[in-house]
């Protein structure tokens, strides 16, 4: 497990996410998650994080908003070269980490329903941020299931390998 989630349901969900990351992108995925968790658990942000947790009222929405902000930050830091196939899985890990913190603070109970709500909220927040509409997502899913190699019209092009947070990612996944 990459994240620090201590709740068994969240840990299992994170493990499921990691298992679906393409093998050629696992090292890059680990770097992205490590970079995000380093920011999330930074001593400089601890007070702000604690304040947000204390005022938490809608954990699924807050997890999604935080995951979207984190992915936007990491995407910008990567020079917009972070592989698109890593965006949603990494965002999910960050969202589940938030849920774990909120649960530890006694502000939420982790349930399968909360995990499902958070997963949907993260997808609804992060995909548009990356310029992926629901139609484009359906095209990408259909393409991946058919094994096609063509990029759907209007979809982001496959990023090239770069240094920085994503290291030497394999492009074309």
N, C-alpha and C. Protein backbone atom coordinates (compact mmCIF):
# COMPACT_ATOMS: atom_id res chain seq x y z
N UNK A 1 0.84 -1.19 0.00
CA UNK A 1 0.00 0.00 0.00
C UNK A 1 0.88 1.25 0.00
N UNK A 2 0.54 2.19 -0.86
CA UNK A 2 1.30 3.42 -0.98
C UNK A 2 0.90 4.45 0.06
N UNK A 3 -0.40 4.57 0.28
CA UNK A 3 -0.90 5.58 1.19
C UNK A 3 -0.72 5.19 2.64
N UNK A 4 -1.21 6.05 3.51
CA UNK A 4 -1.08 5.82 4.94
C UNK A 4 -2.41 5.49 5.59
N UNK A 5 -3.43 5.25 4.79
CA UNK A 5 -4.77 4.99 5.33
C UNK A 5 -4.73 3.79 6.27
N UNK A 6 -5.27 3.97 7.47
CA UNK A 6 -5.27 2.90 8.45
C UNK A 6 -6.59 2.15 8.48
N UNK A 7 -7.65 2.73 7.93
CA UNK A 7 -8.94 2.07 7.90
C UNK A 7 -8.87 0.90 6.92
N UNK A 8 -9.28 -0.30 7.33
CA UNK A 8 -9.17 -1.48 6.46
C UNK A 8 -9.92 -1.34 5.13
N UNK A 9 -11.10 -0.72 5.14
CA UNK A 9 -11.84 -0.55 3.88
C UNK A 9 -11.10 0.39 2.93
N UNK A 10 -10.53 1.47 3.48
CA UNK A 10 -9.79 2.41 2.64
C UNK A 10 -8.49 1.78 2.15
N UNK A 11 -7.82 1.04 3.02
CA UNK A 11 -6.59 0.37 2.61
C UNK A 11 -6.88 -0.62 1.49
N UNK A 12 -7.98 -1.35 1.60
CA UNK A 12 -8.35 -2.31 0.56
C UNK A 12 -8.68 -1.57 -0.74
N UNK A 13 -9.39 -0.45 -0.64
CA UNK A 13 -9.72 0.33 -1.84
C UNK A 13 -8.44 0.84 -2.51
N UNK A 14 -7.49 1.33 -1.71
CA UNK A 14 -6.22 1.80 -2.27
C UNK A 14 -5.47 0.66 -2.95
N UNK A 15 -5.46 -0.50 -2.34
CA UNK A 15 -4.79 -1.65 -2.94
C UNK A 15 -5.44 -2.02 -4.27
N UNK A 16 -6.76 -1.93 -4.35
CA UNK A 16 -7.45 -2.20 -5.60
C UNK A 16 -7.08 -1.21 -6.69
N UNK A 17 -6.91 0.04 -6.31
CA UNK A 17 -6.50 1.08 -7.26
C UNK A 17 -5.10 0.78 -7.78
N UNK A 18 -4.19 0.50 -6.87
CA UNK A 18 -2.80 0.22 -7.26
C UNK A 18 -2.74 -0.98 -8.20
N UNK A 19 -3.56 -1.98 -7.94
CA UNK A 19 -3.54 -3.19 -8.76
C UNK A 19 -3.95 -2.91 -10.21
N UNK A 20 -4.72 -1.86 -10.44
CA UNK A 20 -5.19 -1.54 -11.78
C UNK A 20 -4.26 -0.62 -12.56
N UNK A 21 -3.23 -0.11 -11.91
CA UNK A 21 -2.28 0.77 -12.61
C UNK A 21 -1.44 -0.11 -13.55
N UNK A 22 -1.33 0.29 -14.83
CA UNK A 22 -0.52 -0.50 -15.76
C UNK A 22 0.91 -0.68 -15.24
N UNK A 23 1.44 -1.86 -15.44
CA UNK A 23 2.77 -2.21 -14.91
C UNK A 23 3.83 -1.19 -15.33
N UNK A 24 3.77 -0.73 -16.59
CA UNK A 24 4.80 0.21 -17.07
C UNK A 24 4.66 1.60 -16.46
N UNK A 25 3.59 1.85 -15.71
CA UNK A 25 3.40 3.16 -15.07
C UNK A 25 3.46 3.09 -13.54
N UNK A 26 3.69 1.90 -12.99
CA UNK A 26 3.68 1.74 -11.52
C UNK A 26 4.73 2.62 -10.83
N UNK A 27 5.94 2.66 -11.37
CA UNK A 27 7.00 3.47 -10.74
C UNK A 27 6.61 4.95 -10.76
N UNK A 28 6.06 5.40 -11.87
CA UNK A 28 5.62 6.80 -11.97
C UNK A 28 4.47 7.06 -11.01
N UNK A 29 3.54 6.11 -10.93
CA UNK A 29 2.41 6.24 -10.02
C UNK A 29 2.90 6.40 -8.58
N UNK A 30 3.85 5.56 -8.19
CA UNK A 30 4.41 5.64 -6.84
C UNK A 30 5.04 7.01 -6.59
N UNK A 31 5.72 7.55 -7.59
CA UNK A 31 6.35 8.87 -7.43
C UNK A 31 5.29 9.96 -7.29
N UNK A 32 4.22 9.88 -8.08
CA UNK A 32 3.15 10.87 -8.00
C UNK A 32 2.49 10.82 -6.62
N UNK A 33 2.16 9.62 -6.17
CA UNK A 33 1.51 9.48 -4.87
C UNK A 33 2.45 9.94 -3.76
N UNK A 34 3.71 9.57 -3.85
CA UNK A 34 4.67 10.00 -2.82
C UNK A 34 4.76 11.53 -2.79
N UNK A 35 4.83 12.15 -3.97
CA UNK A 35 4.91 13.62 -4.02
C UNK A 35 3.66 14.25 -3.39
N UNK A 36 2.50 13.71 -3.72
CA UNK A 36 1.25 14.25 -3.16
C UNK A 36 1.15 14.07 -1.66
N UNK A 37 1.53 12.89 -1.18
CA UNK A 37 1.47 12.64 0.26
C UNK A 37 2.49 13.48 1.01
N UNK A 38 3.63 13.74 0.38
CA UNK A 38 4.64 14.60 1.00
C UNK A 38 4.06 16.00 1.19
N UNK A 39 3.34 16.47 0.19
CA UNK A 39 2.70 17.78 0.30
C UNK A 39 1.59 17.73 1.36
N UNK A 40 0.74 16.72 1.25
CA UNK A 40 -0.42 16.60 2.14
C UNK A 40 -0.01 16.55 3.61
N UNK A 41 1.04 15.82 3.91
CA UNK A 41 1.47 15.64 5.30
C UNK A 41 2.64 16.56 5.67
N UNK A 42 2.85 17.59 4.87
CA UNK A 42 3.93 18.54 5.13
C UNK A 42 3.70 19.26 6.45
N UNK A 43 4.75 19.39 7.27
CA UNK A 43 4.61 20.15 8.53
C UNK A 43 4.11 21.58 8.30
N UNK A 44 4.45 22.17 7.14
CA UNK A 44 4.01 23.53 6.84
C UNK A 44 2.49 23.60 6.66
N UNK A 45 1.88 22.52 6.23
CA UNK A 45 0.44 22.51 5.99
C UNK A 45 -0.35 21.85 7.11
N UNK A 46 0.33 21.38 8.15
CA UNK A 46 -0.34 20.64 9.22
C UNK A 46 -1.46 21.43 9.88
N UNK A 47 -1.21 22.69 10.21
CA UNK A 47 -2.24 23.49 10.86
C UNK A 47 -3.44 23.69 9.94
N UNK A 48 -3.19 23.99 8.68
CA UNK A 48 -4.28 24.17 7.71
C UNK A 48 -5.07 22.88 7.54
N UNK A 49 -4.36 21.75 7.47
CA UNK A 49 -5.01 20.45 7.33
C UNK A 49 -5.89 20.17 8.54
N UNK A 50 -5.37 20.41 9.73
CA UNK A 50 -6.13 20.18 10.97
C UNK A 50 -7.37 21.07 11.04
N UNK A 51 -7.25 22.31 10.57
CA UNK A 51 -8.40 23.22 10.57
C UNK A 51 -9.48 22.71 9.61
N UNK A 52 -9.07 22.24 8.46
CA UNK A 52 -10.04 21.72 7.49
C UNK A 52 -10.73 20.47 8.03
N UNK A 53 -9.96 19.62 8.69
CA UNK A 53 -10.54 18.41 9.27
C UNK A 53 -11.55 18.79 10.35
N UNK A 54 -11.18 19.73 11.20
CA UNK A 54 -12.05 20.15 12.30
C UNK A 54 -13.37 20.72 11.80
N UNK A 55 -13.35 21.37 10.64
CA UNK A 55 -14.58 21.97 10.12
C UNK A 55 -15.24 21.10 9.05
N UNK A 56 -14.80 19.86 8.94
CA UNK A 56 -15.33 18.95 7.92
C UNK A 56 -16.82 18.68 8.13
N UNK A 57 -17.60 18.84 7.04
CA UNK A 57 -19.03 18.56 7.13
C UNK A 57 -19.50 17.65 6.00
N UNK A 58 -18.77 17.59 4.90
CA UNK A 58 -19.14 16.74 3.76
C UNK A 58 -17.86 16.05 3.27
N UNK A 59 -17.45 14.96 3.95
CA UNK A 59 -16.17 14.34 3.65
C UNK A 59 -15.98 13.93 2.19
N UNK A 60 -17.00 13.41 1.53
CA UNK A 60 -16.86 12.99 0.13
C UNK A 60 -16.54 14.19 -0.76
N UNK A 61 -17.29 15.26 -0.59
CA UNK A 61 -17.08 16.47 -1.39
C UNK A 61 -15.71 17.08 -1.09
N UNK A 62 -15.36 17.15 0.19
CA UNK A 62 -14.08 17.73 0.58
C UNK A 62 -12.91 16.89 0.06
N UNK A 63 -13.06 15.57 0.11
CA UNK A 63 -12.01 14.67 -0.42
C UNK A 63 -11.83 14.91 -1.91
N UNK A 64 -12.94 15.05 -2.61
CA UNK A 64 -12.87 15.27 -4.06
C UNK A 64 -12.22 16.61 -4.39
N UNK A 65 -12.62 17.66 -3.68
CA UNK A 65 -12.04 18.97 -3.93
C UNK A 65 -10.55 18.98 -3.63
N UNK A 66 -10.16 18.36 -2.52
CA UNK A 66 -8.75 18.29 -2.16
C UNK A 66 -7.95 17.47 -3.16
N UNK A 67 -8.51 16.35 -3.60
CA UNK A 67 -7.83 15.50 -4.59
C UNK A 67 -7.65 16.26 -5.90
N UNK A 68 -8.67 17.01 -6.30
CA UNK A 68 -8.59 17.79 -7.54
C UNK A 68 -7.51 18.87 -7.42
N UNK A 69 -7.48 19.56 -6.28
CA UNK A 69 -6.44 20.58 -6.07
C UNK A 69 -5.05 19.96 -6.11
N UNK A 70 -4.91 18.80 -5.45
CA UNK A 70 -3.61 18.13 -5.42
C UNK A 70 -3.18 17.72 -6.82
N UNK A 71 -4.10 17.13 -7.59
CA UNK A 71 -3.74 16.69 -8.93
C UNK A 71 -3.42 17.87 -9.83
N UNK A 72 -4.15 18.96 -9.69
CA UNK A 72 -3.85 20.16 -10.46
C UNK A 72 -2.45 20.66 -10.14
N UNK A 73 -2.13 20.70 -8.86
CA UNK A 73 -0.81 21.14 -8.40
C UNK A 73 0.28 20.23 -8.98
N UNK A 74 0.10 18.92 -8.84
CA UNK A 74 1.11 17.98 -9.33
C UNK A 74 1.23 18.01 -10.85
N UNK A 75 0.11 18.17 -11.53
CA UNK A 75 0.12 18.25 -12.99
C UNK A 75 0.90 19.48 -13.45
N UNK A 76 0.66 20.61 -12.78
CA UNK A 76 1.41 21.83 -13.11
C UNK A 76 2.89 21.66 -12.81
N UNK A 77 3.22 21.07 -11.65
CA UNK A 77 4.62 20.86 -11.28
C UNK A 77 5.34 19.95 -12.26
N UNK A 78 4.61 19.04 -12.90
CA UNK A 78 5.22 18.11 -13.84
C UNK A 78 5.40 18.74 -15.21
N UNK A 79 5.04 20.01 -15.35
CA UNK A 79 5.10 20.65 -16.66
C UNK A 79 4.02 20.09 -17.59
N UNK A 80 2.92 19.66 -16.99
CA UNK A 80 1.78 19.08 -17.71
C UNK A 80 2.17 17.80 -18.44
N UNK A 81 3.13 17.07 -17.88
CA UNK A 81 3.58 15.84 -18.48
C UNK A 81 3.22 14.61 -17.64
N UNK A 82 2.49 14.81 -16.57
CA UNK A 82 2.05 13.69 -15.75
C UNK A 82 1.15 12.81 -16.61
N UNK A 83 1.44 11.52 -16.69
CA UNK A 83 0.62 10.65 -17.55
C UNK A 83 -0.85 10.66 -17.14
N UNK A 84 -1.72 10.95 -18.09
CA UNK A 84 -3.15 11.03 -17.85
C UNK A 84 -3.70 9.76 -17.18
N UNK A 85 -3.22 8.55 -17.56
CA UNK A 85 -3.76 7.35 -16.90
C UNK A 85 -3.48 7.28 -15.40
N UNK A 86 -2.61 8.16 -14.89
CA UNK A 86 -2.30 8.15 -13.45
C UNK A 86 -3.14 9.14 -12.66
N UNK A 87 -3.80 10.05 -13.34
CA UNK A 87 -4.49 11.14 -12.65
C UNK A 87 -5.59 10.63 -11.72
N UNK A 88 -6.52 9.85 -12.24
CA UNK A 88 -7.63 9.39 -11.42
C UNK A 88 -7.15 8.43 -10.32
N UNK A 89 -6.30 7.45 -10.62
CA UNK A 89 -5.86 6.57 -9.53
C UNK A 89 -5.15 7.33 -8.40
N UNK A 90 -4.29 8.27 -8.76
CA UNK A 90 -3.60 9.05 -7.72
C UNK A 90 -4.59 9.91 -6.95
N UNK A 91 -5.52 10.52 -7.65
CA UNK A 91 -6.54 11.35 -6.98
C UNK A 91 -7.35 10.51 -5.99
N UNK A 92 -7.65 9.28 -6.37
CA UNK A 92 -8.40 8.39 -5.47
C UNK A 92 -7.61 8.13 -4.19
N UNK A 93 -6.32 7.88 -4.32
CA UNK A 93 -5.49 7.65 -3.13
C UNK A 93 -5.52 8.88 -2.23
N UNK A 94 -5.38 10.07 -2.82
CA UNK A 94 -5.40 11.29 -2.02
C UNK A 94 -6.76 11.49 -1.34
N UNK A 95 -7.83 11.20 -2.07
CA UNK A 95 -9.16 11.32 -1.48
C UNK A 95 -9.37 10.36 -0.33
N UNK A 96 -8.91 9.13 -0.51
CA UNK A 96 -9.06 8.14 0.56
C UNK A 96 -8.20 8.49 1.77
N UNK A 97 -7.05 9.09 1.52
CA UNK A 97 -6.22 9.56 2.65
C UNK A 97 -6.98 10.61 3.45
N UNK A 98 -7.66 11.52 2.75
CA UNK A 98 -8.46 12.54 3.43
C UNK A 98 -9.54 11.88 4.29
N UNK A 99 -10.25 10.92 3.69
CA UNK A 99 -11.30 10.23 4.44
C UNK A 99 -10.73 9.59 5.71
N UNK A 100 -9.56 8.99 5.59
CA UNK A 100 -8.94 8.35 6.74
C UNK A 100 -8.65 9.37 7.84
N UNK A 101 -8.14 10.53 7.46
CA UNK A 101 -7.85 11.58 8.45
C UNK A 101 -9.13 12.08 9.12
N UNK A 102 -10.17 12.26 8.31
CA UNK A 102 -11.45 12.74 8.85
C UNK A 102 -12.04 11.69 9.80
N UNK A 103 -11.92 10.43 9.44
CA UNK A 103 -12.43 9.35 10.30
C UNK A 103 -11.64 9.28 11.61
N UNK A 104 -10.33 9.42 11.53
CA UNK A 104 -9.49 9.41 12.74
C UNK A 104 -9.87 10.55 13.68
N UNK A 105 -10.32 11.66 13.10
CA UNK A 105 -10.72 12.81 13.91
C UNK A 105 -12.15 12.68 14.42
N UNK A 106 -12.82 11.57 14.09
CA UNK A 106 -14.18 11.34 14.55
C UNK A 106 -15.23 12.14 13.80
N UNK A 107 -14.90 12.64 12.62
CA UNK A 107 -15.82 13.47 11.85
C UNK A 107 -16.60 12.68 10.80
N UNK A 108 -16.26 11.38 10.63
CA UNK A 108 -16.97 10.55 9.65
C UNK A 108 -16.74 9.09 9.97
N UNK A 109 -17.71 8.28 9.59
CA UNK A 109 -17.55 6.83 9.67
C UNK A 109 -17.31 6.32 8.26
N UNK A 110 -16.30 5.50 8.10
CA UNK A 110 -15.99 4.95 6.79
C UNK A 110 -16.95 3.80 6.50
N UNK A 111 -17.69 3.96 5.43
CA UNK A 111 -18.64 2.94 5.00
C UNK A 111 -18.44 2.72 3.51
N UNK A 112 -18.91 1.59 3.00
CA UNK A 112 -18.84 1.39 1.55
C UNK A 112 -19.55 2.52 0.78
N UNK A 113 -20.66 3.03 1.34
CA UNK A 113 -21.39 4.10 0.68
C UNK A 113 -20.55 5.38 0.62
N UNK A 114 -19.87 5.72 1.71
CA UNK A 114 -19.02 6.91 1.71
C UNK A 114 -17.88 6.75 0.71
N UNK A 115 -17.30 5.58 0.64
CA UNK A 115 -16.22 5.33 -0.33
C UNK A 115 -16.76 5.49 -1.76
N UNK A 116 -17.94 4.96 -2.02
CA UNK A 116 -18.54 5.08 -3.35
C UNK A 116 -18.86 6.54 -3.68
N UNK A 117 -19.42 7.27 -2.71
CA UNK A 117 -19.72 8.69 -2.93
C UNK A 117 -18.44 9.47 -3.23
N UNK A 118 -17.39 9.16 -2.48
CA UNK A 118 -16.11 9.85 -2.66
C UNK A 118 -15.51 9.53 -4.02
N UNK A 119 -15.58 8.27 -4.41
CA UNK A 119 -15.05 7.86 -5.71
C UNK A 119 -15.75 8.63 -6.83
N UNK A 120 -17.08 8.71 -6.76
CA UNK A 120 -17.84 9.43 -7.79
C UNK A 120 -17.50 10.92 -7.75
N UNK A 121 -17.44 11.49 -6.56
CA UNK A 121 -17.14 12.92 -6.43
C UNK A 121 -15.75 13.25 -6.97
N UNK A 122 -14.79 12.36 -6.73
CA UNK A 122 -13.43 12.59 -7.25
C UNK A 122 -13.45 12.56 -8.78
N UNK A 123 -14.08 11.56 -9.35
CA UNK A 123 -14.16 11.49 -10.81
C UNK A 123 -14.85 12.74 -11.37
N UNK A 124 -15.94 13.16 -10.73
CA UNK A 124 -16.68 14.34 -11.19
C UNK A 124 -15.85 15.62 -11.07
N UNK A 125 -14.92 15.68 -10.12
CA UNK A 125 -14.09 16.87 -9.92
C UNK A 125 -12.83 16.86 -10.78
N UNK A 126 -12.20 15.71 -10.87
CA UNK A 126 -10.87 15.63 -11.50
C UNK A 126 -10.95 15.54 -13.02
N UNK A 127 -11.89 14.77 -13.54
CA UNK A 127 -11.95 14.60 -15.00
C UNK A 127 -12.14 15.92 -15.75
N UNK A 128 -13.10 16.77 -15.35
CA UNK A 128 -13.24 18.05 -16.06
C UNK A 128 -12.00 18.93 -15.94
N UNK A 129 -11.33 18.86 -14.79
CA UNK A 129 -10.12 19.63 -14.59
C UNK A 129 -9.05 19.25 -15.62
N UNK A 130 -9.07 17.98 -16.03
CA UNK A 130 -8.09 17.48 -17.00
C UNK A 130 -8.62 17.60 -18.43
N UNK A 131 -9.79 18.21 -18.59
CA UNK A 131 -10.36 18.38 -19.91
C UNK A 131 -11.02 17.12 -20.47
N UNK A 132 -11.39 16.21 -19.58
CA UNK A 132 -12.01 14.96 -20.02
C UNK A 132 -13.50 15.02 -19.66
N UNK A 133 -14.33 15.09 -20.69
CA UNK A 133 -15.78 15.08 -20.48
C UNK A 133 -16.25 13.65 -20.30
N UNK A 134 -17.50 13.49 -19.89
CA UNK A 134 -18.04 12.13 -19.74
C UNK A 134 -18.06 11.41 -21.09
N UNK A 135 -18.31 12.14 -22.19
CA UNK A 135 -18.28 11.53 -23.52
C UNK A 135 -16.88 11.04 -23.86
N UNK A 136 -15.88 11.88 -23.58
CA UNK A 136 -14.49 11.47 -23.84
C UNK A 136 -14.11 10.27 -22.98
N UNK A 137 -14.57 10.28 -21.73
CA UNK A 137 -14.28 9.16 -20.85
C UNK A 137 -14.90 7.87 -21.41
N UNK A 138 -16.13 7.96 -21.88
CA UNK A 138 -16.78 6.78 -22.47
C UNK A 138 -15.99 6.29 -23.68
N UNK A 139 -15.47 7.21 -24.49
CA UNK A 139 -14.64 6.83 -25.63
C UNK A 139 -13.36 6.14 -25.17
N UNK A 140 -12.73 6.70 -24.15
CA UNK A 140 -11.49 6.11 -23.64
C UNK A 140 -11.73 4.71 -23.08
N UNK A 141 -12.84 4.54 -22.35
CA UNK A 141 -13.17 3.24 -21.78
C UNK A 141 -13.43 2.24 -22.90
N UNK A 142 -14.24 2.65 -23.89
CA UNK A 142 -14.55 1.76 -25.02
C UNK A 142 -13.28 1.39 -25.77
N UNK A 143 -12.41 2.36 -25.95
CA UNK A 143 -11.15 2.12 -26.66
C UNK A 143 -10.28 1.15 -25.88
N UNK A 144 -10.18 1.33 -24.58
CA UNK A 144 -9.32 0.44 -23.79
C UNK A 144 -9.87 -0.98 -23.76
N UNK A 145 -11.20 -1.10 -23.77
CA UNK A 145 -11.81 -2.43 -23.75
C UNK A 145 -11.67 -3.13 -25.09
N UNK A 146 -11.61 -2.34 -26.18
CA UNK A 146 -11.46 -2.95 -27.50
C UNK A 146 -10.00 -3.13 -27.87
N UNK A 147 -9.10 -2.59 -27.06
CA UNK A 147 -7.67 -2.74 -27.33
C UNK A 147 -7.18 -1.80 -28.40
N UNK A 148 -7.99 -0.81 -28.77
CA UNK A 148 -7.59 0.14 -29.82
C UNK A 148 -6.46 1.03 -29.36
N UNK A 149 -5.68 1.48 -30.31
CA UNK A 149 -4.53 2.33 -29.98
C UNK A 149 -4.75 3.77 -30.40
N UNK A 150 -5.87 4.08 -31.08
CA UNK A 150 -6.12 5.44 -31.53
C UNK A 150 -6.58 6.30 -30.37
N UNK A 151 -6.14 7.53 -30.35
CA UNK A 151 -6.55 8.50 -29.34
C UNK A 151 -7.90 9.08 -29.76
N UNK A 152 -8.93 9.10 -28.91
CA UNK A 152 -10.21 9.69 -29.28
C UNK A 152 -10.05 11.17 -29.62
N UNK A 153 -10.86 11.65 -30.54
CA UNK A 153 -10.81 13.06 -30.93
C UNK A 153 -11.01 13.94 -29.71
N UNK A 154 -10.12 14.89 -29.55
CA UNK A 154 -10.23 15.83 -28.44
C UNK A 154 -9.67 15.35 -27.12
N UNK A 155 -9.22 14.11 -27.05
CA UNK A 155 -8.65 13.61 -25.80
C UNK A 155 -7.23 14.13 -25.66
N UNK A 156 -6.76 14.29 -24.44
CA UNK A 156 -5.38 14.75 -24.25
C UNK A 156 -4.42 13.76 -24.88
N UNK A 157 -3.37 14.29 -25.48
CA UNK A 157 -2.40 13.39 -26.10
C UNK A 157 -1.56 12.73 -25.02
N UNK A 158 -1.01 11.61 -25.36
CA UNK A 158 -0.19 10.88 -24.39
C UNK A 158 1.03 11.70 -24.04
N UNK A 159 1.27 11.93 -22.75
CA UNK A 159 2.41 12.73 -22.33
C UNK A 159 3.71 11.98 -22.61
N UNK A 160 4.72 12.75 -22.80
CA UNK A 160 6.04 12.19 -23.02
C UNK A 160 6.75 12.02 -21.68
N UNK A 161 7.71 11.09 -21.61
CA UNK A 161 8.45 10.92 -20.36
C UNK A 161 9.15 12.21 -19.97
N UNK A 162 9.26 12.43 -18.69
CA UNK A 162 9.95 13.62 -18.22
C UNK A 162 10.62 13.33 -16.88
N UNK A 163 11.39 14.30 -16.45
CA UNK A 163 12.01 14.18 -15.13
C UNK A 163 11.05 14.80 -14.13
N UNK A 164 11.55 15.14 -12.97
CA UNK A 164 10.69 15.76 -11.96
C UNK A 164 9.92 14.71 -11.20
N UNK A 165 8.68 15.07 -10.83
CA UNK A 165 7.92 14.19 -9.96
C UNK A 165 7.61 12.86 -10.60
N UNK A 166 7.45 12.82 -11.90
CA UNK A 166 7.04 11.58 -12.50
C UNK A 166 8.20 10.75 -13.02
N UNK A 167 9.40 11.26 -12.89
CA UNK A 167 10.57 10.47 -13.27
C UNK A 167 10.54 10.09 -14.74
N UNK A 168 10.82 8.85 -15.00
CA UNK A 168 10.91 8.38 -16.38
C UNK A 168 9.70 7.54 -16.73
N UNK A 169 8.56 8.19 -16.79
CA UNK A 169 7.30 7.48 -17.08
C UNK A 169 7.33 6.91 -18.48
N UNK A 170 6.69 5.81 -18.63
CA UNK A 170 6.54 5.22 -19.95
C UNK A 170 5.33 5.86 -20.60
N UNK A 171 5.51 6.44 -21.75
CA UNK A 171 4.38 7.07 -22.45
C UNK A 171 3.65 6.01 -23.26
N UNK A 172 2.42 6.35 -23.60
CA UNK A 172 1.66 5.50 -24.49
C UNK A 172 0.80 4.47 -23.80
N UNK A 173 0.65 4.53 -22.48
CA UNK A 173 -0.19 3.54 -21.79
C UNK A 173 -1.63 3.98 -21.86
